[in-house]
Amino acid sequence: MRFIYTRAFAFFSAFLVFVVIITFLQVMGFAAPIRAVFINAPRPVAYVFGGVSKPFKSFFSTIYGLKKIAQDNVALSSQVYSLQQQLASYNQAMRENQALKKELGFVQTSKSKNTPCTVLAENPLELTNTLVINCGKDEGVTEGQGVVSQGYLVGKVIYAGKDSSTVLLITSSQFSSDARLSRGGSTGVVAGSFGSGIVLDQISQNDTLTKGDLVVTAGINNQIPKDFLIGQVGDQLSSQNDLFKKATILSPIDFANLQFVFVVQ
């Protein structure tokens, strides 16, 4: 009988009464309005809570979004830099490949001994139209030797070190060498000119000088063998009253972007 007076019995009795009441209301059809009250009652509270929390949610979502955008931006910047590096390497390799193809054609047809060299620097120490190449005395290079690219004369060695040399380009006003017209054999002097690039001078007024004629080395200087191409005759710079004929020489060589050359030995 003591169980009747215990707290557990009281809770059990209350729960049993609650179940009986709910069952009665459900059977009689009175449960629907009550259920609607309990279901709809929290909605205003939920609406107010949602309205208050929405700005905070939006703020933190924006912060997270900005952080993710920053991370994505760093990753994309890294990818762009990597792709740019790859593109630069590809472009450089393509230019070198094109230059090597042109040089290969010259090597296959040349009868002279030529030492291949790579251009290390252009115009060092602010010297006029010069190159530094990675060939020197160890490779048999000496001062005065001719330097060619794609079969065309581009300069001569003015200083030979142990493993590097300085080349004076044919476009320099300090350069001069013997030359001749391949058709007719008229001899003259090829020199660099600040305003005209390369010029052919000292051609006799009695000799024919026609635009488009090929100009080659004459071979008078034994360090620069004969019959190396120099270029084609361009516009004449002299008149009939001058002692000698003078004209520009057009060379297909891009002197500002030389990468590989040969020292003629």
C-alpha atoms as a PDB file:
ATOM      1  CA  MET A   1       0.000   0.000   0.000  1.00  0.00           C
ATOM      2  CA  ARG A   2       2.956   2.324   0.470  1.00  0.00           C
ATOM      3  CA  PHE A   3       3.465   2.411  -3.322  1.00  0.00           C
ATOM      4  CA  ILE A   4       0.246   4.385  -3.712  1.00  0.00           C
ATOM      5  CA  TYR A   5       1.750   7.245  -1.716  1.00  0.00           C
ATOM      6  CA  THR A   6       5.041   7.340  -3.566  1.00  0.00           C
ATOM      7  CA  ARG A   7       6.119  10.024  -6.091  1.00  0.00           C
ATOM      8  CA  ALA A   8       6.506   7.433  -8.847  1.00  0.00           C
ATOM      9  CA  PHE A   9       2.886   6.380  -8.450  1.00  0.00           C
ATOM     10  CA  ALA A  10       1.772  10.005  -8.588  1.00  0.00           C
ATOM     11  CA  PHE A  11       3.696  10.566 -11.888  1.00  0.00           C
ATOM     12  CA  PHE A  12       2.330   7.335 -13.320  1.00  0.00           C
ATOM     13  CA  SER A  13      -1.240   8.244 -12.360  1.00  0.00           C
ATOM     14  CA  ALA A  14      -0.876  11.739 -13.876  1.00  0.00           C
ATOM     15  CA  PHE A  15       0.540  10.322 -17.115  1.00  0.00           C
ATOM     16  CA  LEU A  16      -2.273   7.766 -17.283  1.00  0.00           C
ATOM     17  CA  VAL A  17      -4.906  10.474 -16.788  1.00  0.00           C
ATOM     18  CA  PHE A  18      -3.214  12.617 -19.491  1.00  0.00           C
ATOM     19  CA  VAL A  19      -3.276   9.713 -21.970  1.00  0.00           C
ATOM     20  CA  VAL A  20      -6.946   9.034 -21.199  1.00  0.00           C
ATOM     21  CA  ILE A  21      -7.822  12.727 -21.728  1.00  0.00           C
ATOM     22  CA  ILE A  22      -5.875  12.937 -25.016  1.00  0.00           C
ATOM     23  CA  THR A  23      -7.508   9.726 -26.239  1.00  0.00           C
ATOM     24  CA  PHE A  24     -10.949  11.019 -25.305  1.00  0.00           C
ATOM     25  CA  LEU A  25     -10.374  14.348 -27.062  1.00  0.00           C
ATOM     26  CA  GLN A  26      -9.029  12.555 -30.156  1.00  0.00           C
ATOM     27  CA  VAL A  27     -12.080  10.265 -30.261  1.00  0.00           C
ATOM     28  CA  MET A  28     -14.510  13.158 -29.751  1.00  0.00           C
ATOM     29  CA  GLY A  29     -12.750  15.324 -32.386  1.00  0.00           C
ATOM     30  CA  PHE A  30     -11.625  18.036 -29.937  1.00  0.00           C
ATOM     31  CA  ALA A  31      -7.874  17.386 -30.397  1.00  0.00           C
ATOM     32  CA  ALA A  32      -7.506  19.185 -33.777  1.00  0.00           C
ATOM     33  CA  PRO A  33      -8.014  22.784 -32.444  1.00  0.00           C
ATOM     34  CA  ILE A  34      -5.669  22.119 -29.531  1.00  0.00           C
ATOM     35  CA  ARG A  35      -3.044  20.602 -31.860  1.00  0.00           C
ATOM     36  CA  ALA A  36      -3.363  23.627 -34.158  1.00  0.00           C
ATOM     37  CA  VAL A  37      -2.791  25.961 -31.193  1.00  0.00           C
ATOM     38  CA  PHE A  38       0.357  24.134 -30.123  1.00  0.00           C
ATOM     39  CA  ILE A  39       1.665  23.928 -33.699  1.00  0.00           C
ATOM     40  CA  ASN A  40       0.987  27.547 -34.663  1.00  0.00           C
ATOM     41  CA  ALA A  41       1.816  29.135 -31.323  1.00  0.00           C
ATOM     42  CA  PRO A  42       5.662  29.043 -31.793  1.00  0.00           C
ATOM     43  CA  ARG A  43       5.519  30.576 -35.285  1.00  0.00           C
ATOM     44  CA  PRO A  44       5.567  34.253 -34.195  1.00  0.00           C
ATOM     45  CA  VAL A  45       8.485  33.492 -31.896  1.00  0.00           C
ATOM     46  CA  ALA A  46      10.272  31.647 -34.695  1.00  0.00           C
ATOM     47  CA  TYR A  47       9.570  34.532 -37.118  1.00  0.00           C
ATOM     48  CA  VAL A  48      10.941  37.121 -34.659  1.00  0.00           C
ATOM     49  CA  PHE A  49      13.976  34.960 -33.931  1.00  0.00           C
ATOM     50  CA  GLY A  50      14.560  34.446 -37.659  1.00  0.00           C
ATOM     51  CA  GLY A  51      14.340  38.201 -38.321  1.00  0.00           C
ATOM     52  CA  VAL A  52      16.857  38.958 -35.560  1.00  0.00           C
ATOM     53  CA  SER A  53      19.281  36.178 -36.504  1.00  0.00           C
ATOM     54  CA  LYS A  54      19.176  36.755 -40.279  1.00  0.00           C
ATOM     55  CA  PRO A  55      21.568  39.796 -40.267  1.00  0.00           C
ATOM     56  CA  PHE A  56      24.046  37.886 -38.086  1.00  0.00           C
ATOM     57  CA  LYS A  57      23.813  34.867 -40.380  1.00  0.00           C
ATOM     58  CA  SER A  58      24.297  37.088 -43.427  1.00  0.00           C
ATOM     59  CA  PHE A  59      27.288  38.843 -41.798  1.00  0.00           C
ATOM     60  CA  PHE A  60      29.076  35.619 -40.909  1.00  0.00           C
ATOM     61  CA  SER A  61      28.239  34.105 -44.313  1.00  0.00           C
ATOM     62  CA  THR A  62      29.779  37.175 -45.978  1.00  0.00           C
ATOM     63  CA  ILE A  63      32.923  36.895 -43.836  1.00  0.00           C
ATOM     64  CA  TYR A  64      33.262  33.219 -44.722  1.00  0.00           C
ATOM     65  CA  GLY A  65      32.616  33.984 -48.401  1.00  0.00           C
ATOM     66  CA  LEU A  66      35.276  36.716 -48.448  1.00  0.00           C
ATOM     67  CA  LYS A  67      37.774  34.405 -46.809  1.00  0.00           C
ATOM     68  CA  LYS A  68      37.072  31.691 -49.378  1.00  0.00           C
ATOM     69  CA  ILE A  69      37.317  34.209 -52.236  1.00  0.00           C
ATOM     70  CA  ALA A  70      40.699  35.367 -50.905  1.00  0.00           C
ATOM     71  CA  GLN A  71      41.916  31.767 -50.698  1.00  0.00           C
ATOM     72  CA  ASP A  72      40.658  31.050 -54.224  1.00  0.00           C
ATOM     73  CA  ASN A  73      42.312  34.251 -55.471  1.00  0.00           C
ATOM     74  CA  VAL A  74      45.674  33.207 -54.023  1.00  0.00           C
ATOM     75  CA  ALA A  75      45.334  29.777 -55.621  1.00  0.00           C
ATOM     76  CA  LEU A  76      44.369  31.277 -58.997  1.00  0.00           C
ATOM     77  CA  SER A  77      47.230  33.786 -58.829  1.00  0.00           C
ATOM     78  CA  SER A  78      49.635  30.939 -58.208  1.00  0.00           C
ATOM     79  CA  GLN A  79      48.198  29.007 -61.170  1.00  0.00           C
ATOM     80  CA  VAL A  80      48.414  32.075 -63.426  1.00  0.00           C
ATOM     81  CA  TYR A  81      52.044  32.652 -62.430  1.00  0.00           C
ATOM     82  CA  SER A  82      52.859  29.009 -63.104  1.00  0.00           C
ATOM     83  CA  LEU A  83      51.148  29.121 -66.508  1.00  0.00           C
ATOM     84  CA  GLN A  84      52.948  32.351 -67.381  1.00  0.00           C
ATOM     85  CA  GLN A  85      56.267  30.748 -66.477  1.00  0.00           C
ATOM     86  CA  GLN A  86      55.436  27.738 -68.640  1.00  0.00           C
ATOM     87  CA  LEU A  87      54.392  30.009 -71.523  1.00  0.00           C
ATOM     88  CA  ALA A  88      57.594  32.038 -71.242  1.00  0.00           C
ATOM     89  CA  SER A  89      59.670  28.851 -71.232  1.00  0.00           C
ATOM     90  CA  TYR A  90      57.726  27.534 -74.221  1.00  0.00           C
ATOM     91  CA  ASN A  91      58.193  30.772 -76.177  1.00  0.00           C
ATOM     92  CA  GLN A  92      61.903  30.815 -75.406  1.00  0.00           C
ATOM     93  CA  ALA A  93      62.268  27.173 -76.442  1.00  0.00           C
ATOM     94  CA  MET A  94      60.352  27.879 -79.658  1.00  0.00           C
ATOM     95  CA  ARG A  95      62.606  30.845 -80.519  1.00  0.00           C
ATOM     96  CA  GLU A  96      65.714  28.812 -79.797  1.00  0.00           C
ATOM     97  CA  ASN A  97      64.380  25.933 -81.885  1.00  0.00           C
ATOM     98  CA  GLN A  98      63.710  28.247 -84.831  1.00  0.00           C
ATOM     99  CA  ALA A  99      67.165  29.806 -84.520  1.00  0.00           C
ATOM    100  CA  LEU A 100      68.815  26.388 -84.328  1.00  0.00           C
ATOM    101  CA  LYS A 101      66.943  25.228 -87.431  1.00  0.00           C
ATOM    102  CA  LYS A 102      68.298  28.153 -89.401  1.00  0.00           C
ATOM    103  CA  GLU A 103      71.830  27.581 -88.103  1.00  0.00           C
ATOM    104  CA  LEU A 104      71.581  23.859 -88.892  1.00  0.00           C
ATOM    105  CA  GLY A 105      70.989  24.651 -92.553  1.00  0.00           C
ATOM    106  CA  PHE A 106      74.165  26.739 -92.629  1.00  0.00           C
ATOM    107  CA  VAL A 107      76.256  24.079 -90.859  1.00  0.00           C
ATOM    108  CA  GLN A 108      75.179  21.386 -93.308  1.00  0.00           C
ATOM    109  CA  THR A 109      76.248  23.426 -96.334  1.00  0.00           C
ATOM    110  CA  SER A 110      79.327  25.186 -94.947  1.00  0.00           C
ATOM    111  CA  LYS A 111      82.756  23.916 -95.984  1.00  0.00           C
ATOM    112  CA  SER A 112      84.687  25.851 -93.338  1.00  0.00           C
ATOM    113  CA  LYS A 113      85.378  24.923 -89.728  1.00  0.00           C
ATOM    114  CA  ASN A 114      82.934  26.758 -87.509  1.00  0.00           C
ATOM    115  CA  THR A 115      82.783  26.822 -83.735  1.00  0.00           C
ATOM    116  CA  PRO A 116      79.203  27.099 -82.419  1.00  0.00           C
ATOM    117  CA  CYS A 117      78.728  29.643 -79.631  1.00  0.00           C
ATOM    118  CA  THR A 118      75.877  30.971 -77.533  1.00  0.00           C
ATOM    119  CA  VAL A 119      75.348  34.693 -77.035  1.00  0.00           C
ATOM    120  CA  LEU A 120      75.686  35.506 -73.334  1.00  0.00           C
ATOM    121  CA  ALA A 121      75.105  39.257 -73.362  1.00  0.00           C
ATOM    122  CA  GLU A 122      74.434  42.157 -75.706  1.00  0.00           C
ATOM    123  CA  ASN A 123      76.254  45.475 -75.646  1.00  0.00           C
ATOM    124  CA  PRO A 124      78.219  44.879 -72.377  1.00  0.00           C
ATOM    125  CA  LEU A 125      79.885  47.827 -70.694  1.00  0.00           C
ATOM    126  CA  GLU A 126      77.966  50.122 -73.083  1.00  0.00           C
ATOM    127  CA  LEU A 127      80.320  49.280 -75.966  1.00  0.00           C
ATOM    128  CA  THR A 128      78.859  50.046 -79.381  1.00  0.00           C
ATOM    129  CA  ASN A 129      77.071  47.064 -80.960  1.00  0.00           C
ATOM    130  CA  THR A 130      78.945  44.223 -79.283  1.00  0.00           C
ATOM    131  CA  LEU A 131      78.158  40.723 -78.036  1.00  0.00           C
ATOM    132  CA  VAL A 132      79.704  38.431 -75.468  1.00  0.00           C
ATOM    133  CA  ILE A 133      79.799  34.774 -76.515  1.00  0.00           C
ATOM    134  CA  ASN A 134      80.645  31.657 -74.515  1.00  0.00           C
ATOM    135  CA  CYS A 135      83.626  30.686 -76.708  1.00  0.00           C
ATOM    136  CA  GLY A 136      87.210  31.685 -76.023  1.00  0.00           C
ATOM    137  CA  LYS A 137      90.804  30.654 -76.418  1.00  0.00           C
ATOM    138  CA  ASP A 138      89.988  27.204 -75.034  1.00  0.00           C
ATOM    139  CA  GLU A 139      87.893  26.648 -78.179  1.00  0.00           C
ATOM    140  CA  GLY A 140      90.571  28.098 -80.479  1.00  0.00           C
ATOM    141  CA  VAL A 141      89.000  31.560 -80.796  1.00  0.00           C
ATOM    142  CA  THR A 142      91.408  34.413 -81.584  1.00  0.00           C
ATOM    143  CA  GLU A 143      90.981  38.126 -82.184  1.00  0.00           C
ATOM    144  CA  GLY A 144      90.059  39.140 -85.705  1.00  0.00           C
ATOM    145  CA  GLN A 145      88.139  35.977 -86.609  1.00  0.00           C
ATOM    146  CA  GLY A 146      84.833  36.405 -88.415  1.00  0.00           C
ATOM    147  CA  VAL A 147      81.528  35.589 -86.734  1.00  0.00           C
ATOM    148  CA  VAL A 148      78.546  34.388 -88.747  1.00  0.00           C
ATOM    149  CA  SER A 149      74.894  33.521 -88.174  1.00  0.00           C
ATOM    150  CA  GLN A 150      72.755  31.570 -90.650  1.00  0.00           C
ATOM    151  CA  GLY A 151      75.654  31.892 -93.094  1.00  0.00           C
ATOM    152  CA  TYR A 152      75.762  35.713 -92.935  1.00  0.00           C
ATOM    153  CA  LEU A 153      78.670  37.717 -91.564  1.00  0.00           C
ATOM    154  CA  VAL A 154      77.547  39.433 -88.356  1.00  0.00           C
ATOM    155  CA  GLY A 155      80.824  40.627 -86.861  1.00  0.00           C
ATOM    156  CA  LYS A 156      84.356  39.791 -85.806  1.00  0.00           C
ATOM    157  CA  VAL A 157      86.096  38.927 -82.545  1.00  0.00           C
ATOM    158  CA  ILE A 158      87.800  41.940 -80.948  1.00  0.00           C
ATOM    159  CA  TYR A 159      88.719  40.267 -77.655  1.00  0.00           C
ATOM    160  CA  ALA A 160      89.287  36.591 -76.865  1.00  0.00           C
ATOM    161  CA  GLY A 161      89.354  35.456 -73.252  1.00  0.00           C
ATOM    162  CA  LYS A 162      89.873  31.989 -71.836  1.00  0.00           C
ATOM    163  CA  ASP A 163      86.262  30.863 -72.132  1.00  0.00           C
ATOM    164  CA  SER A 164      84.422  33.892 -73.545  1.00  0.00           C
ATOM    165  CA  SER A 165      84.943  36.510 -76.228  1.00  0.00           C
ATOM    166  CA  THR A 166      83.643  39.917 -77.298  1.00  0.00           C
ATOM    167  CA  VAL A 167      82.292  40.324 -80.821  1.00  0.00           C
ATOM    168  CA  LEU A 168      82.031  43.661 -82.657  1.00  0.00           C
ATOM    169  CA  LEU A 169      78.902  43.575 -84.805  1.00  0.00           C
ATOM    170  CA  ILE A 170      78.987  44.527 -88.472  1.00  0.00           C
ATOM    171  CA  THR A 171      76.444  47.280 -87.730  1.00  0.00           C
ATOM    172  CA  SER A 172      78.957  49.139 -85.538  1.00  0.00           C
ATOM    173  CA  SER A 173      80.547  52.293 -86.945  1.00  0.00           C
ATOM    174  CA  GLN A 174      83.876  50.859 -85.738  1.00  0.00           C
ATOM    175  CA  PHE A 175      83.561  47.775 -87.961  1.00  0.00           C
ATOM    176  CA  SER A 176      85.117  47.443 -91.416  1.00  0.00           C
ATOM    177  CA  SER A 177      86.099  44.537 -93.625  1.00  0.00           C
ATOM    178  CA  ASP A 178      86.697  43.723 -97.277  1.00  0.00           C
ATOM    179  CA  ALA A 179      83.739  42.743 -99.457  1.00  0.00           C
ATOM    180  CA  ARG A 180      82.862  42.149-103.083  1.00  0.00           C
ATOM    181  CA  LEU A 181      79.853  41.904-105.332  1.00  0.00           C
ATOM    182  CA  SER A 182      79.107  38.261-106.137  1.00  0.00           C
ATOM    183  CA  ARG A 183      78.113  39.277-109.658  1.00  0.00           C
ATOM    184  CA  GLY A 184      80.922  41.077-111.418  1.00  0.00           C
ATOM    185  CA  GLY A 185      83.455  40.663-108.613  1.00  0.00           C
ATOM    186  CA  SER A 186      83.869  44.368-107.823  1.00  0.00           C
ATOM    187  CA  THR A 187      85.627  44.782-104.483  1.00  0.00           C
ATOM    188  CA  GLY A 188      84.958  47.343-101.813  1.00  0.00           C
ATOM    189  CA  VAL A 189      84.681  47.825 -98.064  1.00  0.00           C
ATOM    190  CA  VAL A 190      81.765  46.899 -95.852  1.00  0.00           C
ATOM    191  CA  ALA A 191      81.327  48.976 -92.713  1.00  0.00           C
ATOM    192  CA  GLY A 192      78.795  49.795 -90.060  1.00  0.00           C
ATOM    193  CA  SER A 193      76.964  53.100 -90.124  1.00  0.00           C
ATOM    194  CA  PHE A 194      75.005  54.713 -87.319  1.00  0.00           C
ATOM    195  CA  GLY A 195      72.312  55.991 -89.669  1.00  0.00           C
ATOM    196  CA  SER A 196      72.292  53.326 -92.388  1.00  0.00           C
ATOM    197  CA  GLY A 197      73.086  50.059 -90.567  1.00  0.00           C
ATOM    198  CA  ILE A 198      75.537  48.448 -93.002  1.00  0.00           C
ATOM    199  CA  VAL A 199      77.070  50.174 -96.039  1.00  0.00           C
ATOM    200  CA  LEU A 200      79.166  49.086 -98.989  1.00  0.00           C
ATOM    201  CA  ASP A 201      81.780  51.689 -99.906  1.00  0.00           C
ATOM    202  CA  GLN A 202      84.862  52.110-102.084  1.00  0.00           C
ATOM    203  CA  ILE A 203      83.212  50.680-105.208  1.00  0.00           C
ATOM    204  CA  SER A 204      84.682  52.170-108.380  1.00  0.00           C
ATOM    205  CA  GLN A 205      82.469  54.517-110.356  1.00  0.00           C
ATOM    206  CA  ASN A 206      83.229  52.357-113.398  1.00  0.00           C
ATOM    207  CA  ASP A 207      81.693  49.267-111.773  1.00  0.00           C
ATOM    208  CA  THR A 208      78.013  48.394-111.919  1.00  0.00           C
ATOM    209  CA  LEU A 209      76.167  48.553-108.624  1.00  0.00           C
ATOM    210  CA  THR A 210      72.612  47.232-108.849  1.00  0.00           C
ATOM    211  CA  LYS A 211      70.013  47.048-106.124  1.00  0.00           C
ATOM    212  CA  GLY A 212      69.511  43.453-105.024  1.00  0.00           C
ATOM    213  CA  ASP A 213      73.040  42.275-105.905  1.00  0.00           C
ATOM    214  CA  LEU A 214      74.534  39.897-103.349  1.00  0.00           C
ATOM    215  CA  VAL A 215      77.479  41.139-101.308  1.00  0.00           C
ATOM    216  CA  VAL A 216      79.964  38.575 -99.923  1.00  0.00           C
ATOM    217  CA  THR A 217      83.285  38.612 -98.120  1.00  0.00           C
ATOM    218  CA  ALA A 218      86.273  39.082-100.432  1.00  0.00           C
ATOM    219  CA  GLY A 219      88.743  36.945 -98.461  1.00  0.00           C
ATOM    220  CA  ILE A 220      91.530  39.568 -98.532  1.00  0.00           C
ATOM    221  CA  ASN A 221      91.638  39.295 -94.740  1.00  0.00           C
ATOM    222  CA  ASN A 222      92.616  35.655 -94.188  1.00  0.00           C
ATOM    223  CA  GLN A 223      90.844  35.601 -90.807  1.00  0.00           C
ATOM    224  CA  ILE A 224      87.509  36.134 -92.571  1.00  0.00           C
ATOM    225  CA  PRO A 225      87.313  33.613 -95.448  1.00  0.00           C
ATOM    226  CA  LYS A 226      85.777  34.641 -98.754  1.00  0.00           C
ATOM    227  CA  ASP A 227      82.264  34.051-100.022  1.00  0.00           C
ATOM    228  CA  PHE A 228      80.435  34.403 -96.733  1.00  0.00           C
ATOM    229  CA  LEU A 229      77.185  36.282 -97.361  1.00  0.00           C
ATOM    230  CA  ILE A 230      76.875  39.805 -96.030  1.00  0.00           C
ATOM    231  CA  GLY A 231      73.577  40.909 -97.582  1.00  0.00           C
ATOM    232  CA  GLN A 232      72.041  42.529-100.637  1.00  0.00           C
ATOM    233  CA  VAL A 233      72.665  45.939-102.145  1.00  0.00           C
ATOM    234  CA  GLY A 234      69.999  48.422-101.088  1.00  0.00           C
ATOM    235  CA  ASP A 235      69.715  52.097-101.910  1.00  0.00           C
ATOM    236  CA  GLN A 236      72.676  53.970-103.333  1.00  0.00           C
ATOM    237  CA  LEU A 237      74.045  56.728-101.098  1.00  0.00           C
ATOM    238  CA  SER A 238      76.486  58.250-103.563  1.00  0.00           C
ATOM    239  CA  SER A 239      76.158  60.423-106.637  1.00  0.00           C
ATOM    240  CA  GLN A 240      78.019  60.491-109.956  1.00  0.00           C
ATOM    241  CA  ASN A 241      80.229  63.289-108.652  1.00  0.00           C
ATOM    242  CA  ASP A 242      81.560  61.149-105.768  1.00  0.00           C
ATOM    243  CA  LEU A 243      84.902  59.408-106.147  1.00  0.00           C
ATOM    244  CA  PHE A 244      83.421  56.010-105.219  1.00  0.00           C
ATOM    245  CA  LYS A 245      80.006  54.415-105.263  1.00  0.00           C
ATOM    246  CA  LYS A 246      78.352  53.767-101.933  1.00  0.00           C
ATOM    247  CA  ALA A 247      75.153  51.909-101.040  1.00  0.00           C
ATOM    248  CA  THR A 248      73.322  50.380 -98.103  1.00  0.00           C
ATOM    249  CA  ILE A 249      73.438  46.622 -97.499  1.00  0.00           C
ATOM    250  CA  LEU A 250      70.302  44.808 -96.399  1.00  0.00           C
ATOM    251  CA  SER A 251      70.870  41.821 -94.110  1.00  0.00           C
ATOM    252  CA  PRO A 252      68.150  39.342 -93.077  1.00  0.00           C
ATOM    253  CA  ILE A 253      69.754  38.954 -89.659  1.00  0.00           C
ATOM    254  CA  ASP A 254      67.978  40.360 -86.616  1.00  0.00           C
ATOM    255  CA  PHE A 255      71.038  41.753 -84.857  1.00  0.00           C
ATOM    256  CA  ALA A 256      69.073  42.722 -81.751  1.00  0.00           C
ATOM    257  CA  ASN A 257      68.041  39.107 -81.062  1.00  0.00           C
ATOM    258  CA  LEU A 258      71.052  36.950 -81.872  1.00  0.00           C
ATOM    259  CA  GLN A 259      71.133  33.786 -79.766  1.00  0.00           C
ATOM    260  CA  PHE A 260      73.578  31.469 -81.559  1.00  0.00           C
ATOM    261  CA  VAL A 261      76.580  32.352 -83.728  1.00  0.00           C
ATOM    262  CA  PHE A 262      79.598  30.591 -85.260  1.00  0.00           C
ATOM    263  CA  VAL A 263      83.207  31.696 -85.100  1.00  0.00           C
ATOM    264  CA  VAL A 264      84.899  30.953 -88.427  1.00  0.00           C
ATOM    265  CA  GLN A 265      88.275  29.277 -87.964  1.00  0.00           C
END
